[in-house]
Amino acid sequence: MTVATRFDTSDPPERPVSLDDAEDLDALVETYDTVLVEFYTEGCSVCASMEPVLGVVARESDAVIATVNPRDDPPLVDRFDVRSVPLLVVFRDSDPVERLADGFQSAEDVIALIDRNR
């Protein structure tokens, strides 16, 4: 089942969505107005520490939150110029509008990042 069939605009997810590949990512950002995607890798302790933060952001923001491991779909590395993780990318109307690759971020900082891009 693809993201496009799992989600619709009338029922946005209230917790972070795990994406498998670029196809899932594209379908998700086309479905919702504002999406925050964390690019992460397995074994990254800072990425793991972001998991509870993203859960809080998903509950407190009306943006859809998602995670994707670009190693599972290597073209994502080039497409989004992933040089370090975690990389947070805000999508607005399907377009990436801001990115942040500065390590651990608090829930307040992530919500502010989303709010700047409304």
Protein backbone atom coordinates (compact mmCIF):
# COMPACT_ATOMS: atom_id res chain seq x y z
CA MET A 1 0.00 0.00 0.00
CA THR A 2 1.45 3.35 -0.96
CA VAL A 3 1.27 6.56 0.99
CA ALA A 4 -1.14 7.95 -1.57
CA THR A 5 -3.68 5.26 -0.71
CA ARG A 6 -3.03 5.35 3.04
CA PHE A 7 -3.59 9.08 3.50
CA ASP A 8 -6.00 11.71 2.37
CA THR A 9 -6.40 15.39 3.14
CA SER A 10 -9.46 14.81 5.29
CA ASP A 11 -7.58 12.54 7.72
CA PRO A 12 -4.00 13.74 8.34
CA PRO A 13 -1.83 11.48 10.51
CA GLU A 14 -1.30 12.56 14.12
CA ARG A 15 2.06 10.85 14.50
CA PRO A 16 5.18 10.71 12.36
CA VAL A 17 4.87 8.65 9.19
CA SER A 18 7.70 6.33 8.15
CA LEU A 19 8.35 6.55 4.42
CA ASP A 20 10.04 3.83 2.38
CA ASP A 21 11.28 5.70 -0.68
CA ALA A 22 11.02 8.71 -2.97
CA GLU A 23 7.68 7.53 -4.34
CA ASP A 24 6.19 7.57 -0.83
CA LEU A 25 7.76 10.96 -0.12
CA ASP A 26 6.40 12.48 -3.33
CA ALA A 27 2.92 11.10 -2.69
CA LEU A 28 2.89 12.46 0.86
CA VAL A 29 4.02 15.99 0.01
CA GLU A 30 1.47 16.09 -2.83
CA THR A 31 -1.32 15.09 -0.43
CA TYR A 32 -0.79 17.68 2.33
CA ASP A 33 -0.11 21.43 2.28
CA THR A 34 2.70 21.43 4.84
CA VAL A 35 4.99 18.47 5.50
CA LEU A 36 8.16 18.21 7.58
CA VAL A 37 10.46 15.34 6.63
CA GLU A 38 13.39 14.16 8.70
CA PHE A 39 16.10 12.42 6.70
CA TYR A 40 17.87 10.05 9.10
CA THR A 41 20.09 6.98 9.15
CA GLU A 42 20.10 3.90 11.33
CA GLY A 43 22.67 4.14 14.11
CA CYS A 44 22.58 7.94 14.25
CA SER A 45 22.10 8.77 17.93
CA VAL A 46 21.05 12.35 17.24
CA CYS A 47 18.46 11.08 14.75
CA ALA A 48 17.15 8.65 17.36
CA SER A 49 16.90 11.47 19.91
CA MET A 50 14.72 13.40 17.45
CA GLU A 51 12.03 10.67 17.44
CA PRO A 52 10.20 11.86 20.58
CA VAL A 53 10.57 15.49 19.46
CA LEU A 54 8.91 14.69 16.15
CA GLY A 55 6.10 12.96 18.01
CA VAL A 56 5.46 16.13 20.01
CA VAL A 57 5.62 18.25 16.85
CA ALA A 58 3.12 15.95 15.11
CA ARG A 59 0.66 16.40 17.98
CA GLU A 60 1.14 20.16 18.40
CA SER A 61 1.38 21.23 14.76
CA ASP A 62 -1.03 20.86 11.90
CA ALA A 63 1.84 19.90 9.59
CA VAL A 64 2.31 16.26 8.65
CA ILE A 65 5.56 14.84 9.99
CA ALA A 66 7.47 12.06 8.23
CA THR A 67 10.81 10.28 8.37
CA VAL A 68 12.81 8.65 5.60
CA ASN A 69 16.16 6.88 5.52
CA PRO A 70 17.84 8.02 2.29
CA ARG A 71 20.10 4.96 2.37
CA ASP A 72 16.98 2.92 1.54
CA ASP A 73 16.57 4.94 -1.68
CA PRO A 74 20.03 6.37 -2.60
CA PRO A 75 18.79 8.83 -5.26
CA LEU A 76 17.23 10.79 -2.36
CA VAL A 77 20.76 11.64 -1.18
CA ASP A 78 21.52 13.51 -4.40
CA ARG A 79 18.03 14.88 -4.91
CA PHE A 80 18.01 16.58 -1.49
CA ASP A 81 21.78 17.05 -1.16
CA VAL A 82 21.85 15.07 2.11
CA ARG A 83 25.30 15.67 3.56
CA SER A 84 24.52 15.13 7.22
CA VAL A 85 21.69 13.77 9.32
CA PRO A 86 19.34 14.54 10.78
CA LEU A 87 18.23 16.79 7.96
CA LEU A 88 14.84 18.45 8.37
CA VAL A 89 13.10 19.65 5.21
CA VAL A 90 9.86 21.62 5.19
CA PHE A 91 7.65 21.14 2.14
CA ARG A 92 4.94 23.64 1.32
CA ASP A 93 2.56 22.86 -1.56
CA SER A 94 4.86 19.97 -2.61
CA ASP A 95 7.99 22.13 -2.80
CA PRO A 96 10.92 22.04 -0.37
CA VAL A 97 11.03 25.56 1.09
CA GLU A 98 13.48 25.32 3.98
CA ARG A 99 16.00 22.85 5.32
CA LEU A 100 17.86 22.54 8.60
CA ALA A 101 20.84 20.28 9.26
CA ASP A 102 22.07 21.56 12.61
CA GLY A 103 21.81 18.44 14.76
CA PHE A 104 19.32 18.05 17.58
CA GLN A 105 16.43 20.53 17.61
CA SER A 106 13.83 21.09 20.32
CA ALA A 107 10.13 20.70 19.58
CA GLU A 108 9.74 24.47 19.89
CA ASP A 109 12.46 25.07 17.31
CA VAL A 110 10.96 22.55 14.88
CA ILE A 111 7.50 24.08 15.26
CA ALA A 112 9.02 27.53 14.64
CA LEU A 113 10.67 26.14 11.48
CA ILE A 114 7.30 24.90 10.25
CA ASP A 115 5.51 28.14 11.21
CA ARG A 116 8.06 30.25 9.27
CA ASN A 117 7.01 28.42 6.13
CA ARG A 118 3.22 28.75 6.24
